[in-house]
Amino acid sequence: MKEFTYVIKDKLGIHARPAGLLVKEAKKFQSATTITKNGQTKKLTQLMMLMSLGVKQGEEVTIAADGPDEDAAIAALKEFFEQNL
């Protein structure tokens, strides 16, 4: 399992448009990908679950990937977060 933490910089937090793109990115990988905020963990491939976390600007999240392509998944997701959130 690989993971990284990230502090959300987008002033709207993880809102509908980037959340949809994030789900699309996560679905490219075989590995199970999750996001954790304040002890709540949700799958990155489920839009409504991701939105239910209500992640706001300045909050820290942990992104994890576990599976055969976890290295590639973490690298791609980290890049996504840095460019979009």
C-alpha atoms as a PDB file:
ATOM      1  CA  MET A   1       0.000   0.000   0.000  1.00  0.00           C
ATOM      2  CA  LYS A   2       1.231   3.459  -0.959  1.00  0.00           C
ATOM      3  CA  GLU A   3      -0.185   6.749   0.277  1.00  0.00           C
ATOM      4  CA  PHE A   4       0.365  10.485   0.493  1.00  0.00           C
ATOM      5  CA  THR A   5      -1.238  13.383   2.336  1.00  0.00           C
ATOM      6  CA  TYR A   6      -2.342  16.595   0.682  1.00  0.00           C
ATOM      7  CA  VAL A   7      -3.780  19.901   1.905  1.00  0.00           C
ATOM      8  CA  ILE A   8      -6.570  21.124  -0.394  1.00  0.00           C
ATOM      9  CA  LYS A   9      -5.729  24.497  -1.931  1.00  0.00           C
ATOM     10  CA  ASP A  10      -8.797  25.008  -4.169  1.00  0.00           C
ATOM     11  CA  LYS A  11     -10.990  27.707  -2.592  1.00  0.00           C
ATOM     12  CA  LEU A  12     -14.096  25.576  -3.209  1.00  0.00           C
ATOM     13  CA  GLY A  13     -12.553  22.378  -1.843  1.00  0.00           C
ATOM     14  CA  ILE A  14     -13.365  19.132  -3.642  1.00  0.00           C
ATOM     15  CA  HIS A  15     -16.508  20.246  -5.481  1.00  0.00           C
ATOM     16  CA  ALA A  16     -18.468  18.567  -8.286  1.00  0.00           C
ATOM     17  CA  ARG A  17     -16.260  19.233 -11.331  1.00  0.00           C
ATOM     18  CA  PRO A  18     -12.887  18.171  -9.902  1.00  0.00           C
ATOM     19  CA  ALA A  19     -14.538  15.329  -7.979  1.00  0.00           C
ATOM     20  CA  GLY A  20     -15.875  13.901 -11.233  1.00  0.00           C
ATOM     21  CA  LEU A  21     -12.451  14.187 -12.840  1.00  0.00           C
ATOM     22  CA  LEU A  22     -10.830  12.599  -9.783  1.00  0.00           C
ATOM     23  CA  VAL A  23     -13.190   9.594  -9.964  1.00  0.00           C
ATOM     24  CA  LYS A  24     -12.414   9.236 -13.668  1.00  0.00           C
ATOM     25  CA  GLU A  25      -8.669   9.297 -12.939  1.00  0.00           C
ATOM     26  CA  ALA A  26      -8.970   6.744 -10.109  1.00  0.00           C
ATOM     27  CA  LYS A  27     -10.927   4.338 -12.325  1.00  0.00           C
ATOM     28  CA  LYS A  28      -7.940   4.054 -14.680  1.00  0.00           C
ATOM     29  CA  PHE A  29      -6.151   1.798 -12.186  1.00  0.00           C
ATOM     30  CA  GLN A  30      -6.677  -1.756 -10.954  1.00  0.00           C
ATOM     31  CA  SER A  31      -5.559  -0.816  -7.453  1.00  0.00           C
ATOM     32  CA  ALA A  32      -8.148   0.046  -4.817  1.00  0.00           C
ATOM     33  CA  THR A  33      -7.886   3.810  -4.239  1.00  0.00           C
ATOM     34  CA  THR A  34      -9.250   5.613  -1.193  1.00  0.00           C
ATOM     35  CA  ILE A  35      -9.434   9.083   0.334  1.00  0.00           C
ATOM     36  CA  THR A  36      -9.457   9.640   4.100  1.00  0.00           C
ATOM     37  CA  LYS A  37     -10.472  12.804   5.968  1.00  0.00           C
ATOM     38  CA  ASN A  38     -10.827  12.960   9.758  1.00  0.00           C
ATOM     39  CA  GLY A  39     -10.862   9.171  10.067  1.00  0.00           C
ATOM     40  CA  GLN A  40     -13.533   8.670   7.382  1.00  0.00           C
ATOM     41  CA  THR A  41     -12.340   6.614   4.401  1.00  0.00           C
ATOM     42  CA  LYS A  42     -14.171   6.480   1.073  1.00  0.00           C
ATOM     43  CA  LYS A  43     -13.417   4.861  -2.280  1.00  0.00           C
ATOM     44  CA  LEU A  44     -12.149   7.310  -4.889  1.00  0.00           C
ATOM     45  CA  THR A  45     -14.161   5.527  -7.576  1.00  0.00           C
ATOM     46  CA  GLN A  46     -17.533   6.425  -6.010  1.00  0.00           C
ATOM     47  CA  LEU A  47     -18.492  10.046  -6.708  1.00  0.00           C
ATOM     48  CA  MET A  48     -21.285  10.364  -4.144  1.00  0.00           C
ATOM     49  CA  MET A  49     -19.140   8.840  -1.390  1.00  0.00           C
ATOM     50  CA  LEU A  50     -16.310  11.234  -2.257  1.00  0.00           C
ATOM     51  CA  MET A  51     -18.682  14.211  -2.214  1.00  0.00           C
ATOM     52  CA  SER A  52     -20.127  13.096   1.140  1.00  0.00           C
ATOM     53  CA  LEU A  53     -16.791  13.879   2.818  1.00  0.00           C
ATOM     54  CA  GLY A  54     -17.361  17.594   2.173  1.00  0.00           C
ATOM     55  CA  VAL A  55     -13.650  18.389   1.822  1.00  0.00           C
ATOM     56  CA  LYS A  56     -12.989  22.142   2.127  1.00  0.00           C
ATOM     57  CA  GLN A  57     -10.002  24.370   1.385  1.00  0.00           C
ATOM     58  CA  GLY A  58      -7.213  23.959   3.955  1.00  0.00           C
ATOM     59  CA  GLU A  59      -8.254  20.464   5.030  1.00  0.00           C
ATOM     60  CA  GLU A  60      -5.808  17.578   4.855  1.00  0.00           C
ATOM     61  CA  VAL A  61      -6.690  14.326   3.119  1.00  0.00           C
ATOM     62  CA  THR A  62      -4.801  11.057   2.761  1.00  0.00           C
ATOM     63  CA  ILE A  63      -4.878   9.285  -0.581  1.00  0.00           C
ATOM     64  CA  ALA A  64      -4.011   5.573  -0.646  1.00  0.00           C
ATOM     65  CA  ALA A  65      -3.666   2.927  -3.331  1.00  0.00           C
ATOM     66  CA  ASP A  66      -3.370  -0.806  -2.767  1.00  0.00           C
ATOM     67  CA  GLY A  67      -2.924  -3.237  -5.631  1.00  0.00           C
ATOM     68  CA  PRO A  68      -0.814  -4.300  -8.595  1.00  0.00           C
ATOM     69  CA  ASP A  69      -0.376  -0.796 -10.048  1.00  0.00           C
ATOM     70  CA  GLU A  70      -0.310   1.190  -6.800  1.00  0.00           C
ATOM     71  CA  ASP A  71       2.919   3.044  -7.674  1.00  0.00           C
ATOM     72  CA  ALA A  72       1.481   4.350 -10.941  1.00  0.00           C
ATOM     73  CA  ALA A  73      -1.848   5.149  -9.267  1.00  0.00           C
ATOM     74  CA  ILE A  74      -0.239   7.176  -6.475  1.00  0.00           C
ATOM     75  CA  ALA A  75       1.999   9.066  -8.924  1.00  0.00           C
ATOM     76  CA  ALA A  76      -0.957   9.948 -11.172  1.00  0.00           C
ATOM     77  CA  LEU A  77      -3.253  10.894  -8.287  1.00  0.00           C
ATOM     78  CA  LYS A  78      -0.589  13.053  -6.636  1.00  0.00           C
ATOM     79  CA  GLU A  79      -0.089  14.900  -9.920  1.00  0.00           C
ATOM     80  CA  PHE A  80      -3.879  15.299 -10.271  1.00  0.00           C
ATOM     81  CA  PHE A  81      -4.188  16.811  -6.789  1.00  0.00           C
ATOM     82  CA  GLU A  82      -1.287  19.214  -7.375  1.00  0.00           C
ATOM     83  CA  GLN A  83      -2.709  20.427 -10.689  1.00  0.00           C
ATOM     84  CA  ASN A  84      -6.419  20.545  -9.808  1.00  0.00           C
ATOM     85  CA  LEU A  85      -6.916  20.837  -6.061  1.00  0.00           C
END
